[in-house]
Amino acid sequence: MQIEALEAAGCTCIFTEIASGSRADRPELANALSDLRPGDTPIARHLDRLGRSVAQLIELIGAFEARGVGFRSLCDPIDRTTAAGELIFSIFSVNRPRRLPHPAPGAGCAVRGAGMERA
């Protein structure tokens, strides 16, 4: 379900973590980050596919911004390539709950994926 959603969103590179996303060592995330080029837009189906805490998300998205890339979540109202998405993320990051809300059981998928839209 997640892979299909990423393909439907136009992702040309899809990275799938096998290990738990709560681990610090995430080789596929490292591969995705090393593959980023200015103008790319990394896409995750849900925010919790990218990071497990708001602090992790802020750090990752800050790194994206420094590299000239956007970010978009398919199921959350965040698209950092738009002014509205930037505003929502800014408000979200100010509130900084400790953990991200996870989607309801069954709303996700056994496959964890993140993709990338090339400029």
N, C-alpha and C. Protein backbone atom coordinates (compact mmCIF):
# COMPACT_ATOMS: atom_id res chain seq x y z
N MET A 1 0.82 -1.18 0.00
CA MET A 1 0.00 0.00 0.00
C MET A 1 0.87 1.26 0.00
N GLN A 2 1.93 1.30 0.82
CA GLN A 2 2.78 2.48 0.85
C GLN A 2 3.57 2.63 -0.43
N ILE A 3 4.10 1.54 -0.94
CA ILE A 3 4.89 1.60 -2.18
C ILE A 3 4.00 2.09 -3.32
N GLU A 4 2.80 1.56 -3.41
CA GLU A 4 1.87 1.99 -4.47
C GLU A 4 1.53 3.47 -4.35
N ALA A 5 1.34 3.94 -3.10
CA ALA A 5 1.03 5.36 -2.89
C ALA A 5 2.21 6.24 -3.32
N LEU A 6 3.43 5.80 -3.03
CA LEU A 6 4.61 6.56 -3.43
C LEU A 6 4.77 6.58 -4.94
N GLU A 7 4.52 5.44 -5.58
CA GLU A 7 4.59 5.38 -7.04
C GLU A 7 3.54 6.29 -7.66
N ALA A 8 2.32 6.27 -7.11
CA ALA A 8 1.24 7.12 -7.62
C ALA A 8 1.57 8.60 -7.44
N ALA A 9 2.39 8.92 -6.43
CA ALA A 9 2.78 10.32 -6.19
C ALA A 9 3.92 10.76 -7.10
N GLY A 10 4.42 9.84 -7.92
CA GLY A 10 5.47 10.20 -8.88
C GLY A 10 6.88 9.94 -8.42
N CYS A 11 7.05 9.16 -7.34
CA CYS A 11 8.41 8.87 -6.85
C CYS A 11 9.15 8.03 -7.87
N THR A 12 10.37 8.43 -8.15
CA THR A 12 11.21 7.69 -9.09
C THR A 12 12.25 6.83 -8.39
N CYS A 13 12.53 7.12 -7.13
CA CYS A 13 13.44 6.32 -6.31
C CYS A 13 12.71 6.01 -5.02
N ILE A 14 12.59 4.74 -4.69
CA ILE A 14 11.91 4.34 -3.45
C ILE A 14 12.88 3.56 -2.59
N PHE A 15 13.00 3.98 -1.32
CA PHE A 15 13.91 3.36 -0.36
C PHE A 15 13.06 2.71 0.72
N THR A 16 13.35 1.45 1.03
CA THR A 16 12.57 0.70 2.00
C THR A 16 13.47 0.20 3.12
N GLU A 17 13.18 0.62 4.35
CA GLU A 17 13.90 0.12 5.52
C GLU A 17 13.31 -1.21 5.94
N ILE A 18 14.16 -2.15 6.24
CA ILE A 18 13.72 -3.44 6.75
C ILE A 18 13.68 -3.39 8.28
N ALA A 19 14.69 -2.77 8.88
CA ALA A 19 14.80 -2.68 10.33
C ALA A 19 13.83 -1.63 10.88
N SER A 20 13.64 -1.65 12.17
CA SER A 20 12.77 -0.70 12.85
C SER A 20 13.27 0.73 12.64
N GLY A 21 12.33 1.63 12.39
CA GLY A 21 12.69 3.03 12.21
C GLY A 21 13.11 3.71 13.50
N SER A 22 12.89 3.04 14.64
CA SER A 22 13.30 3.63 15.91
C SER A 22 14.80 3.49 16.14
N ARG A 23 15.45 2.64 15.35
CA ARG A 23 16.90 2.46 15.47
C ARG A 23 17.62 3.68 14.89
N ALA A 24 18.75 4.00 15.49
CA ALA A 24 19.54 5.12 14.97
C ALA A 24 20.20 4.76 13.65
N ASP A 25 20.58 3.50 13.48
CA ASP A 25 21.23 3.03 12.26
C ASP A 25 20.15 2.68 11.23
N ARG A 26 19.96 3.56 10.25
CA ARG A 26 18.95 3.35 9.21
C ARG A 26 19.64 3.47 7.86
N PRO A 27 20.19 2.35 7.35
CA PRO A 27 20.99 2.41 6.13
C PRO A 27 20.24 2.92 4.91
N GLU A 28 18.98 2.58 4.77
CA GLU A 28 18.23 3.07 3.60
C GLU A 28 17.97 4.56 3.68
N LEU A 29 17.75 5.08 4.88
CA LEU A 29 17.61 6.53 5.03
C LEU A 29 18.93 7.19 4.67
N ALA A 30 20.05 6.62 5.11
CA ALA A 30 21.37 7.16 4.75
C ALA A 30 21.56 7.13 3.24
N ASN A 31 21.13 6.05 2.58
CA ASN A 31 21.22 5.97 1.11
C ASN A 31 20.37 7.04 0.45
N ALA A 32 19.16 7.22 0.96
CA ALA A 32 18.27 8.24 0.40
C ALA A 32 18.88 9.63 0.56
N LEU A 33 19.42 9.91 1.74
CA LEU A 33 20.03 11.22 1.99
C LEU A 33 21.23 11.47 1.09
N SER A 34 22.03 10.42 0.86
CA SER A 34 23.21 10.60 0.00
C SER A 34 22.82 10.77 -1.46
N ASP A 35 21.63 10.32 -1.83
CA ASP A 35 21.16 10.41 -3.22
C ASP A 35 20.47 11.74 -3.53
N LEU A 36 20.19 12.54 -2.50
CA LEU A 36 19.48 13.80 -2.71
C LEU A 36 20.28 14.80 -3.53
N ARG A 37 19.57 15.48 -4.43
CA ARG A 37 20.15 16.56 -5.22
C ARG A 37 19.27 17.79 -5.06
N PRO A 38 19.83 19.00 -5.19
CA PRO A 38 19.00 20.20 -5.09
C PRO A 38 17.80 20.10 -6.04
N GLY A 39 16.64 20.48 -5.52
CA GLY A 39 15.41 20.42 -6.30
C GLY A 39 14.61 19.15 -6.09
N ASP A 40 15.21 18.11 -5.48
CA ASP A 40 14.47 16.88 -5.19
C ASP A 40 13.44 17.15 -4.10
N THR A 41 12.43 16.31 -4.02
CA THR A 41 11.43 16.37 -2.96
C THR A 41 11.27 14.99 -2.35
N PRO A 42 11.92 14.73 -1.22
CA PRO A 42 11.68 13.46 -0.54
C PRO A 42 10.22 13.39 -0.09
N ILE A 43 9.64 12.23 -0.21
CA ILE A 43 8.23 12.03 0.13
C ILE A 43 8.12 10.83 1.06
N ALA A 44 7.34 10.98 2.12
CA ALA A 44 7.03 9.86 3.00
C ALA A 44 5.51 9.74 3.06
N ARG A 45 5.01 8.53 3.21
CA ARG A 45 3.56 8.36 3.29
C ARG A 45 3.03 9.02 4.55
N HIS A 46 3.69 8.79 5.68
CA HIS A 46 3.34 9.41 6.96
C HIS A 46 4.62 10.00 7.55
N LEU A 47 4.48 11.01 8.37
CA LEU A 47 5.64 11.62 9.02
C LEU A 47 6.43 10.61 9.83
N ASP A 48 5.75 9.66 10.47
CA ASP A 48 6.47 8.70 11.31
C ASP A 48 7.27 7.69 10.51
N ARG A 49 7.16 7.71 9.18
CA ARG A 49 8.02 6.88 8.33
C ARG A 49 9.39 7.52 8.19
N LEU A 50 9.46 8.83 8.38
CA LEU A 50 10.73 9.54 8.24
C LEU A 50 11.46 9.65 9.57
N GLY A 51 10.75 10.00 10.63
CA GLY A 51 11.36 10.14 11.94
C GLY A 51 10.39 9.72 13.02
N ARG A 52 10.92 9.33 14.16
CA ARG A 52 10.08 8.86 15.25
C ARG A 52 9.75 9.94 16.27
N SER A 53 10.39 11.08 16.15
CA SER A 53 10.10 12.19 17.06
C SER A 53 10.12 13.48 16.26
N VAL A 54 9.52 14.49 16.84
CA VAL A 54 9.52 15.79 16.17
C VAL A 54 10.95 16.32 16.06
N ALA A 55 11.76 16.06 17.09
CA ALA A 55 13.16 16.51 17.04
C ALA A 55 13.88 15.87 15.86
N GLN A 56 13.66 14.57 15.62
CA GLN A 56 14.28 13.90 14.46
C GLN A 56 13.80 14.53 13.16
N LEU A 57 12.50 14.80 13.07
CA LEU A 57 11.96 15.41 11.85
C LEU A 57 12.54 16.78 11.61
N ILE A 58 12.62 17.58 12.66
CA ILE A 58 13.17 18.93 12.51
C ILE A 58 14.61 18.86 12.02
N GLU A 59 15.37 17.93 12.59
CA GLU A 59 16.76 17.77 12.18
C GLU A 59 16.86 17.33 10.72
N LEU A 60 16.09 16.33 10.33
CA LEU A 60 16.13 15.84 8.94
C LEU A 60 15.66 16.89 7.95
N ILE A 61 14.57 17.54 8.27
CA ILE A 61 14.02 18.52 7.33
C ILE A 61 14.91 19.75 7.27
N GLY A 62 15.58 20.08 8.37
CA GLY A 62 16.58 21.14 8.34
C GLY A 62 17.74 20.78 7.42
N ALA A 63 18.15 19.49 7.46
CA ALA A 63 19.21 19.02 6.56
C ALA A 63 18.73 19.08 5.11
N PHE A 64 17.46 18.75 4.87
CA PHE A 64 16.91 18.85 3.51
C PHE A 64 16.99 20.29 3.02
N GLU A 65 16.55 21.20 3.87
CA GLU A 65 16.54 22.62 3.50
C GLU A 65 17.95 23.11 3.19
N ALA A 66 18.93 22.70 3.99
CA ALA A 66 20.31 23.11 3.76
C ALA A 66 20.84 22.60 2.42
N ARG A 67 20.28 21.48 1.95
CA ARG A 67 20.72 20.90 0.68
C ARG A 67 19.86 21.34 -0.50
N GLY A 68 18.88 22.21 -0.24
CA GLY A 68 18.06 22.72 -1.33
C GLY A 68 16.99 21.76 -1.81
N VAL A 69 16.50 20.93 -0.90
CA VAL A 69 15.43 19.99 -1.26
C VAL A 69 14.21 20.27 -0.41
N GLY A 70 13.05 19.88 -0.89
CA GLY A 70 11.80 20.06 -0.15
C GLY A 70 11.50 18.83 0.68
N PHE A 71 10.25 18.69 1.08
CA PHE A 71 9.77 17.48 1.74
C PHE A 71 8.25 17.48 1.64
N ARG A 72 7.69 16.29 1.44
CA ARG A 72 6.24 16.17 1.37
C ARG A 72 5.81 14.89 2.06
N SER A 73 4.74 14.97 2.83
CA SER A 73 4.11 13.80 3.44
C SER A 73 2.78 13.59 2.73
N LEU A 74 2.52 12.36 2.30
CA LEU A 74 1.30 12.10 1.55
C LEU A 74 0.04 12.15 2.41
N CYS A 75 0.12 11.68 3.65
CA CYS A 75 -1.07 11.57 4.50
C CYS A 75 -1.17 12.66 5.55
N ASP A 76 -0.15 13.46 5.70
CA ASP A 76 -0.15 14.56 6.65
C ASP A 76 -0.10 15.85 5.83
N PRO A 77 -0.68 16.93 6.33
CA PRO A 77 -0.77 18.15 5.52
C PRO A 77 0.53 18.94 5.47
N ILE A 78 1.62 18.27 5.14
CA ILE A 78 2.90 18.96 5.09
C ILE A 78 3.55 18.76 3.73
N ASP A 79 3.75 19.87 3.06
CA ASP A 79 4.46 19.89 1.77
C ASP A 79 5.36 21.11 1.82
N ARG A 80 6.62 20.91 2.17
CA ARG A 80 7.55 22.02 2.36
C ARG A 80 7.91 22.72 1.06
N THR A 81 7.35 22.26 -0.05
CA THR A 81 7.59 22.96 -1.31
C THR A 81 6.55 24.05 -1.53
N THR A 82 5.59 24.20 -0.59
CA THR A 82 4.57 25.25 -0.69
C THR A 82 4.64 26.15 0.54
N ALA A 83 4.14 27.37 0.42
CA ALA A 83 4.12 28.30 1.54
C ALA A 83 3.23 27.76 2.67
N ALA A 84 2.08 27.19 2.33
CA ALA A 84 1.18 26.64 3.35
C ALA A 84 1.83 25.48 4.09
N GLY A 85 2.51 24.61 3.37
CA GLY A 85 3.20 23.49 4.00
C GLY A 85 4.32 23.94 4.90
N GLU A 86 5.03 24.98 4.50
CA GLU A 86 6.09 25.55 5.33
C GLU A 86 5.51 26.11 6.62
N LEU A 87 4.37 26.80 6.52
CA LEU A 87 3.71 27.36 7.70
C LEU A 87 3.26 26.24 8.64
N ILE A 88 2.63 25.21 8.11
CA ILE A 88 2.16 24.10 8.94
C ILE A 88 3.33 23.43 9.65
N PHE A 89 4.43 23.19 8.93
CA PHE A 89 5.58 22.56 9.59
C PHE A 89 6.15 23.46 10.67
N SER A 90 6.19 24.77 10.43
CA SER A 90 6.70 25.70 11.43
C SER A 90 5.86 25.66 12.70
N ILE A 91 4.54 25.66 12.54
CA ILE A 91 3.65 25.58 13.70
C ILE A 91 3.84 24.24 14.40
N PHE A 92 3.91 23.19 13.63
CA PHE A 92 4.09 21.83 14.15
C PHE A 92 5.38 21.75 14.95
N SER A 93 6.46 22.33 14.44
CA SER A 93 7.76 22.22 15.11
C SER A 93 7.81 23.07 16.38
N VAL A 94 7.03 24.14 16.45
CA VAL A 94 7.01 24.96 17.66
C VAL A 94 6.34 24.20 18.80
N ASN A 95 5.29 23.45 18.50
CA ASN A 95 4.58 22.70 19.53
C ASN A 95 5.37 21.51 20.03
N ARG A 96 6.18 20.88 19.20
CA ARG A 96 7.13 19.83 19.54
C ARG A 96 6.67 18.79 20.55
N PRO A 97 5.65 18.00 20.25
CA PRO A 97 5.37 16.89 21.17
C PRO A 97 6.54 15.92 21.14
N ARG A 98 6.68 15.15 22.19
CA ARG A 98 7.81 14.23 22.27
C ARG A 98 7.80 13.19 21.17
N ARG A 99 6.67 12.61 20.92
CA ARG A 99 6.59 11.54 19.92
C ARG A 99 5.55 11.93 18.89
N LEU A 100 5.72 11.41 17.71
CA LEU A 100 4.75 11.66 16.65
C LEU A 100 3.55 10.76 16.85
N PRO A 101 2.36 11.24 16.54
CA PRO A 101 1.21 10.34 16.58
C PRO A 101 1.34 9.32 15.46
N HIS A 102 1.11 8.08 15.79
CA HIS A 102 1.19 7.02 14.79
C HIS A 102 -0.19 6.81 14.19
N PRO A 103 -0.26 6.47 12.89
CA PRO A 103 -1.55 6.19 12.28
C PRO A 103 -2.22 5.02 12.99
N ALA A 104 -3.53 4.96 12.90
CA ALA A 104 -4.27 3.86 13.50
C ALA A 104 -3.80 2.53 12.93
N PRO A 105 -3.86 1.45 13.74
CA PRO A 105 -3.47 0.14 13.21
C PRO A 105 -4.25 -0.16 11.93
N GLY A 106 -3.57 -0.67 10.96
CA GLY A 106 -4.22 -0.98 9.69
C GLY A 106 -4.17 0.17 8.71
N ALA A 107 -3.87 1.38 9.18
CA ALA A 107 -3.80 2.52 8.28
C ALA A 107 -2.47 2.54 7.54
N GLY A 108 -1.47 1.87 8.12
CA GLY A 108 -0.16 1.81 7.48
C GLY A 108 -0.03 0.55 6.66
N CYS A 109 1.15 0.03 6.60
CA CYS A 109 1.42 -1.14 5.79
C CYS A 109 2.63 -1.85 6.36
N ALA A 110 2.80 -3.11 6.07
CA ALA A 110 3.94 -3.86 6.56
C ALA A 110 5.24 -3.34 5.95
N VAL A 111 5.15 -2.77 4.77
CA VAL A 111 6.33 -2.24 4.09
C VAL A 111 6.49 -0.79 4.48
N ARG A 112 7.69 -0.43 4.95
CA ARG A 112 7.95 0.97 5.29
C ARG A 112 8.68 1.60 4.13
N GLY A 113 8.16 2.68 3.61
CA GLY A 113 8.80 3.26 2.44
C GLY A 113 8.90 4.77 2.49
N ALA A 114 9.86 5.25 1.78
CA ALA A 114 10.00 6.67 1.51
C ALA A 114 10.48 6.78 0.08
N GLY A 115 10.03 7.79 -0.59
CA GLY A 115 10.41 7.95 -2.00
C GLY A 115 10.93 9.32 -2.27
N MET A 116 11.26 9.55 -3.53
CA MET A 116 11.80 10.83 -3.91
C MET A 116 11.27 11.21 -5.28
N GLU A 117 10.89 12.46 -5.39
CA GLU A 117 10.44 13.02 -6.65
C GLU A 117 11.59 13.85 -7.18
N ARG A 118 12.03 13.57 -8.39
CA ARG A 118 13.16 14.31 -8.98
C ARG A 118 12.67 15.58 -9.64
N ALA A 119 13.47 16.63 -9.51
CA ALA A 119 13.15 17.91 -10.13
C ALA A 119 13.33 17.83 -11.62
